[in-house]
Amino acid sequence: DVTFSPQGPPPAMTDDGKLILETPASLAVAPDGNGGIYPAMVKHSVLSDMKAKGVRYIHVFGVDNALVKPADPTFVGYCIRQKADCGNKALWKTSPDEKVGVLASRGKRPCIVEYSDMSKEMSELRSEQDGRLVFGAGNICNHFYTLDFLEQVVVPNLGNMYHIARKKIPYYCDEQKKTVKPTENNGIKLESFIFDVFPLSESMTVLDVRREDEFAPVKNPPGSDVDSPDTARRLFSNVAKKWMREAGATLLGDLESDQCEVGPMTSYGGEGLEKLAKGKEVACPFSV
């Protein structure tokens, strides 16, 4: 079943807590961050619907990752085996300046520290044993929850999850009789992050995954050097070529092609491709 549960948005406010009018008859509103998924699931009865259908475990992920594995049996199974109430996929950062938050512990509780909140010294600190970044467990917005955790722990704490962000908020000027776009921050919006629930967990577990198999983000426009549709397509294509080689195919043609695909109805994670690949020559680009 497919269910849509739109988030927020909550009203914007002045620094002293007064609501801001955007027009004479409407409030100024602002997005509530990806943590808005939790109140949205309550408001639109998603959690109660899951409970009625006997759902016990939930996999949540960002839609901007072309290599995400929905309902990944390895990840979900690992979390269940570990008896986790909350789980997180992580991959090690390639460099200190990579713009992803990192998994850390604060007050003996798991949390995500945003890259913008880390000092240069912390972000560049490396282990003497293997040279890896000490704070390098990058968060890729790929999470596991038990339904009980969301219902019994997260939902009762929704009111404590908001952060204050100061923004330029369009407002209705009574003197000019029009909506004005300010040039400086003039108000606040309330937002939350999907990982704000991590400190509430009593048994969180983390699965370290391979970047080339799990992460092809699309955050920048076409033509960008990183995290663009072009780079994601290339990474997606590389996985398809890897699967076909592992299944026994000999790849020919344009081996650098970014137009190679193994469809999700053909194989979920590279399994079952032997009949299509073993001992065969496959010309790139291909689609199977």
Protein backbone atom coordinates (compact mmCIF):
# COMPACT_ATOMS: atom_id res chain seq x y z
CA ASP A 1 0.00 0.00 0.00
CA VAL A 2 1.12 3.56 -0.69
CA THR A 3 0.12 6.28 1.76
CA PHE A 4 0.99 9.96 1.54
CA SER A 5 1.48 11.93 4.77
CA PRO A 6 2.49 15.55 4.05
CA GLN A 7 4.53 17.33 6.69
CA GLY A 8 3.76 20.59 8.50
CA PRO A 9 4.45 23.38 8.02
CA PRO A 10 4.26 25.15 11.38
CA PRO A 11 3.79 28.94 11.61
CA ALA A 12 6.76 31.31 11.73
CA MET A 13 7.13 33.66 14.69
CA THR A 14 8.85 36.81 15.81
CA ASP A 15 11.67 36.57 18.36
CA ASP A 16 9.17 37.27 21.14
CA GLY A 17 6.85 34.46 20.04
CA LYS A 18 4.19 36.37 18.09
CA LEU A 19 2.80 34.83 14.90
CA ILE A 20 3.75 36.54 11.63
CA LEU A 21 1.18 37.44 8.99
CA GLU A 22 2.24 36.89 5.38
CA THR A 23 -1.00 38.40 4.05
CA PRO A 24 -3.88 40.10 5.88
CA ALA A 25 -5.64 36.74 6.07
CA SER A 26 -2.86 34.12 6.29
CA LEU A 27 0.00 33.23 8.58
CA ALA A 28 3.60 32.94 7.43
CA VAL A 29 4.67 29.30 7.56
CA ALA A 30 7.98 27.51 7.07
CA PRO A 31 9.10 23.92 6.46
CA ASP A 32 9.62 21.92 9.65
CA GLY A 33 12.67 19.88 8.59
CA ASN A 34 12.87 16.17 7.84
CA GLY A 35 12.03 15.45 11.49
CA GLY A 36 8.51 16.52 10.53
CA ILE A 37 8.01 12.95 9.38
CA TYR A 38 7.11 11.92 12.94
CA PRO A 39 4.20 14.30 13.65
CA ALA A 40 3.04 13.75 10.05
CA MET A 41 2.81 10.00 10.66
CA VAL A 42 0.66 10.69 13.70
CA LYS A 43 -1.53 13.34 12.08
CA HIS A 44 -2.29 11.20 9.04
CA SER A 45 -2.78 7.97 11.03
CA VAL A 46 0.19 6.22 9.42
CA LEU A 47 1.39 4.68 12.69
CA SER A 48 -2.06 3.44 13.67
CA ASP A 49 -2.53 1.99 10.17
CA MET A 50 0.79 0.15 10.46
CA LYS A 51 -0.18 -1.22 13.84
CA ALA A 52 -3.53 -2.43 12.50
CA LYS A 53 -1.70 -4.26 9.70
CA GLY A 54 0.72 -5.95 12.08
CA VAL A 55 3.80 -3.98 11.03
CA ARG A 56 6.54 -4.18 13.65
CA TYR A 57 9.60 -2.73 11.93
CA ILE A 58 10.07 0.40 9.81
CA HIS A 59 12.80 1.38 7.35
CA VAL A 60 13.13 5.11 6.65
CA PHE A 61 15.46 6.59 4.04
CA GLY A 62 16.09 9.72 1.98
CA VAL A 63 14.71 9.79 -1.56
CA ASP A 64 17.83 11.54 -2.88
CA ASN A 65 19.98 8.39 -2.73
CA ALA A 66 19.89 6.50 -6.04
CA LEU A 67 21.49 3.39 -4.48
CA VAL A 68 19.19 3.04 -1.49
CA LYS A 69 17.88 -0.46 -0.81
CA PRO A 70 14.27 -0.22 0.40
CA ALA A 71 13.49 -2.66 3.22
CA ASP A 72 17.08 -3.89 3.04
CA PRO A 73 16.93 -7.42 4.54
CA THR A 74 20.57 -7.23 5.67
CA PHE A 75 20.07 -3.97 7.55
CA VAL A 76 16.63 -4.76 8.93
CA GLY A 77 17.64 -8.30 9.85
CA TYR A 78 20.79 -7.08 11.60
CA CYS A 79 18.82 -4.58 13.67
CA ILE A 80 16.25 -7.21 14.63
CA ARG A 81 18.98 -9.69 15.56
CA GLN A 82 20.64 -7.04 17.74
CA LYS A 83 17.25 -6.35 19.38
CA ALA A 84 17.63 -2.68 18.46
CA ASP A 85 14.81 -0.19 18.86
CA CYS A 86 16.60 2.18 16.46
CA GLY A 87 19.26 1.60 13.81
CA ASN A 88 21.39 3.64 11.46
CA LYS A 89 23.40 2.87 8.34
CA ALA A 90 26.71 4.72 8.23
CA LEU A 91 29.66 4.96 5.88
CA TRP A 92 33.07 6.41 6.56
CA LYS A 93 33.69 9.91 5.29
CA THR A 94 36.13 10.24 2.39
CA SER A 95 37.58 13.50 3.68
CA PRO A 96 37.21 15.84 6.69
CA ASP A 97 35.33 18.41 4.60
CA GLU A 98 32.69 16.03 3.24
CA LYS A 99 29.36 17.63 4.05
CA VAL A 100 27.63 14.91 6.03
CA GLY A 101 26.88 14.71 9.73
CA VAL A 102 28.63 12.07 11.80
CA LEU A 103 27.44 9.59 14.39
CA ALA A 104 28.75 10.31 17.86
CA SER A 105 27.97 9.85 21.54
CA ARG A 106 26.96 12.72 23.79
CA GLY A 107 26.32 12.03 27.45
CA LYS A 108 26.45 8.29 26.65
CA ARG A 109 23.58 8.77 24.19
CA PRO A 110 23.83 8.33 20.40
CA CYS A 111 23.46 11.45 18.31
CA ILE A 112 24.36 13.03 14.98
CA VAL A 113 26.71 16.00 14.94
CA GLU A 114 26.30 18.15 11.85
CA TYR A 115 29.46 18.88 9.88
CA SER A 116 28.88 22.61 10.38
CA ASP A 117 29.00 22.14 14.16
CA MET A 118 32.39 20.41 14.20
CA SER A 119 35.64 22.26 14.75
CA LYS A 120 38.43 21.90 12.20
CA GLU A 121 40.47 19.95 14.76
CA MET A 122 37.66 17.48 15.43
CA SER A 123 36.82 16.95 11.77
CA GLU A 124 40.48 16.26 10.87
CA LEU A 125 41.36 14.06 13.87
CA ARG A 126 42.58 10.63 12.73
CA SER A 127 43.13 7.31 14.49
CA GLU A 128 46.74 6.38 15.20
CA GLN A 129 45.90 2.70 14.52
CA ASP A 130 44.46 2.83 11.00
CA GLY A 131 44.57 6.49 9.96
CA ARG A 132 40.80 6.72 9.57
CA LEU A 133 38.93 9.80 10.70
CA VAL A 134 37.96 9.45 14.37
CA PHE A 135 34.69 11.27 13.74
CA GLY A 136 34.08 9.69 10.36
CA ALA A 137 30.90 7.59 10.64
CA GLY A 138 28.90 9.57 8.10
CA ASN A 139 25.13 9.70 8.39
CA ILE A 140 23.30 8.98 5.11
CA CYS A 141 19.68 9.24 6.34
CA ASN A 142 19.02 5.51 6.35
CA HIS A 143 17.29 4.41 9.54
CA PHE A 144 15.48 1.53 11.23
CA TYR A 145 12.85 1.78 13.95
CA THR A 146 10.55 -0.56 15.77
CA LEU A 147 6.95 0.56 15.72
CA ASP A 148 6.92 0.35 19.53
CA PHE A 149 9.84 2.81 19.71
CA LEU A 150 8.02 5.36 17.54
CA GLU A 151 4.69 4.94 19.35
CA GLN A 152 5.86 4.67 22.93
CA VAL A 153 9.03 6.79 22.97
CA VAL A 154 9.18 9.19 20.03
CA VAL A 155 5.56 10.35 19.84
CA PRO A 156 5.34 11.35 23.55
CA ASN A 157 8.48 13.49 23.07
CA LEU A 158 7.55 15.28 19.84
CA GLY A 159 7.12 18.61 21.62
CA ASN A 160 10.74 18.55 22.80
CA MET A 161 12.34 18.02 19.39
CA TYR A 162 12.18 21.45 17.81
CA HIS A 163 15.16 23.68 17.09
CA ILE A 164 14.99 27.42 16.50
CA ALA A 165 16.25 28.69 13.15
CA ARG A 166 16.38 32.41 12.46
CA LYS A 167 15.29 33.20 8.90
CA LYS A 168 14.20 35.93 6.52
CA ILE A 169 10.44 35.51 6.66
CA PRO A 170 8.14 37.45 4.28
CA TYR A 171 5.62 39.49 6.27
CA TYR A 172 2.65 41.72 5.61
CA CYS A 173 3.45 45.40 6.12
CA ASP A 174 0.32 47.27 7.20
CA GLU A 175 1.83 50.62 6.23
CA GLN A 176 2.76 49.57 2.68
CA LYS A 177 -0.30 47.33 2.33
CA LYS A 178 1.76 44.53 0.81
CA THR A 179 3.91 41.52 1.62
CA VAL A 180 7.55 42.47 2.15
CA LYS A 181 10.59 40.22 1.71
CA PRO A 182 13.13 41.24 4.37
CA THR A 183 16.87 41.49 3.66
CA GLU A 184 17.79 40.40 7.20
CA ASN A 185 16.55 37.73 9.56
CA ASN A 186 13.35 38.94 11.13
CA GLY A 187 11.85 35.87 12.74
CA ILE A 188 12.21 32.25 13.70
CA LYS A 189 10.94 28.98 12.39
CA LEU A 190 10.67 25.70 14.24
CA GLU A 191 12.37 22.71 12.66
CA SER A 192 13.47 19.24 13.67
CA PHE A 193 15.73 16.62 12.20
CA ILE A 194 14.95 12.98 11.60
CA PHE A 195 17.91 11.95 13.76
CA ASP A 196 16.76 13.99 16.76
CA VAL A 197 15.17 10.79 18.10
CA PHE A 198 18.49 8.93 18.37
CA PRO A 199 19.22 10.06 21.97
CA LEU A 200 15.86 8.56 22.99
CA SER A 201 16.99 5.08 21.99
CA GLU A 202 17.89 2.52 24.64
CA SER A 203 19.37 -0.01 22.20
CA MET A 204 20.60 1.65 19.03
CA THR A 205 22.79 -0.24 16.57
CA VAL A 206 24.84 0.90 13.57
CA LEU A 207 25.70 -0.91 10.34
CA ASP A 208 28.83 0.28 8.53
CA VAL A 209 28.27 -0.09 4.76
CA ARG A 210 30.32 0.27 1.59
CA ARG A 211 29.95 3.66 -0.08
CA GLU A 212 30.14 2.31 -3.64
CA ASP A 213 27.27 -0.09 -2.96
CA GLU A 214 24.97 2.10 -0.89
CA PHE A 215 25.36 5.82 -1.50
CA ALA A 216 24.75 7.86 -4.66
CA PRO A 217 23.24 11.14 -3.44
CA VAL A 218 21.62 13.77 -5.66
CA LYS A 219 21.95 17.15 -3.96
CA ASN A 220 23.40 19.40 -6.67
CA PRO A 221 22.32 20.32 -10.22
CA PRO A 222 23.50 18.50 -13.38
CA GLY A 223 27.08 19.29 -14.27
CA SER A 224 28.27 19.54 -10.65
CA ASP A 225 31.41 17.59 -9.75
CA VAL A 226 29.85 15.88 -6.73
CA ASP A 227 26.42 14.63 -5.63
CA SER A 228 24.70 15.43 -8.94
CA PRO A 229 22.42 13.41 -11.25
CA ASP A 230 25.54 12.74 -13.35
CA THR A 231 27.62 11.32 -10.50
CA ALA A 232 24.67 9.30 -9.17
CA ARG A 233 24.02 7.81 -12.61
CA ARG A 234 27.67 6.82 -12.89
CA LEU A 235 27.67 5.18 -9.46
CA PHE A 236 24.39 3.39 -10.22
CA SER A 237 25.82 2.14 -13.51
CA ASN A 238 29.01 0.94 -11.82
CA VAL A 239 26.99 -1.22 -9.44
CA ALA A 240 25.13 -2.82 -12.38
CA LYS A 241 28.43 -3.61 -14.12
CA LYS A 242 29.86 -5.04 -10.90
CA TRP A 243 26.86 -7.33 -10.42
CA MET A 244 27.04 -8.64 -13.97
CA ARG A 245 30.78 -9.33 -13.69
CA GLU A 246 30.29 -11.13 -10.38
CA ALA A 247 27.56 -13.24 -12.00
CA GLY A 248 30.04 -14.37 -14.67
CA ALA A 249 29.56 -11.96 -17.57
CA THR A 250 32.30 -10.54 -19.74
CA LEU A 251 31.56 -6.89 -20.41
CA LEU A 252 32.34 -5.43 -23.81
CA GLY A 253 31.78 -2.10 -25.57
CA ASP A 254 31.84 1.18 -23.70
CA LEU A 255 33.10 0.01 -20.31
CA GLU A 256 32.95 3.60 -18.98
CA SER A 257 29.26 3.94 -19.84
CA ASP A 258 26.97 5.43 -17.21
CA GLN A 259 23.92 3.93 -18.92
CA CYS A 260 24.10 0.38 -17.49
CA GLU A 261 21.22 -0.90 -15.38
CA VAL A 262 19.98 -4.04 -13.68
CA GLY A 263 16.30 -3.41 -13.05
CA PRO A 264 14.90 -3.87 -9.53
CA MET A 265 12.47 -6.52 -10.80
CA THR A 266 15.45 -8.49 -12.17
CA SER A 267 17.64 -8.42 -9.07
CA TYR A 268 17.48 -6.70 -5.70
CA GLY A 269 21.14 -6.90 -4.73
CA GLY A 270 22.95 -8.74 -7.50
CA GLU A 271 21.46 -12.16 -6.81
CA GLY A 272 19.94 -14.44 -9.45
CA LEU A 273 21.80 -13.01 -12.46
CA GLU A 274 23.70 -16.14 -13.46
CA LYS A 275 21.20 -17.14 -16.18
CA LEU A 276 21.64 -13.73 -17.79
CA ALA A 277 25.37 -13.38 -17.23
CA LYS A 278 27.36 -16.55 -16.62
CA GLY A 279 29.66 -17.30 -19.54
CA LYS A 280 28.05 -14.58 -21.69
CA GLU A 281 29.34 -11.45 -23.34
CA VAL A 282 27.32 -8.36 -22.46
CA ALA A 283 27.76 -5.11 -24.41
CA CYS A 284 27.79 -1.84 -22.49
CA PRO A 285 25.57 0.09 -22.15
CA PHE A 286 22.96 -2.51 -21.18
CA SER A 287 19.63 -2.80 -19.38
CA VAL A 288 18.48 -6.12 -17.96
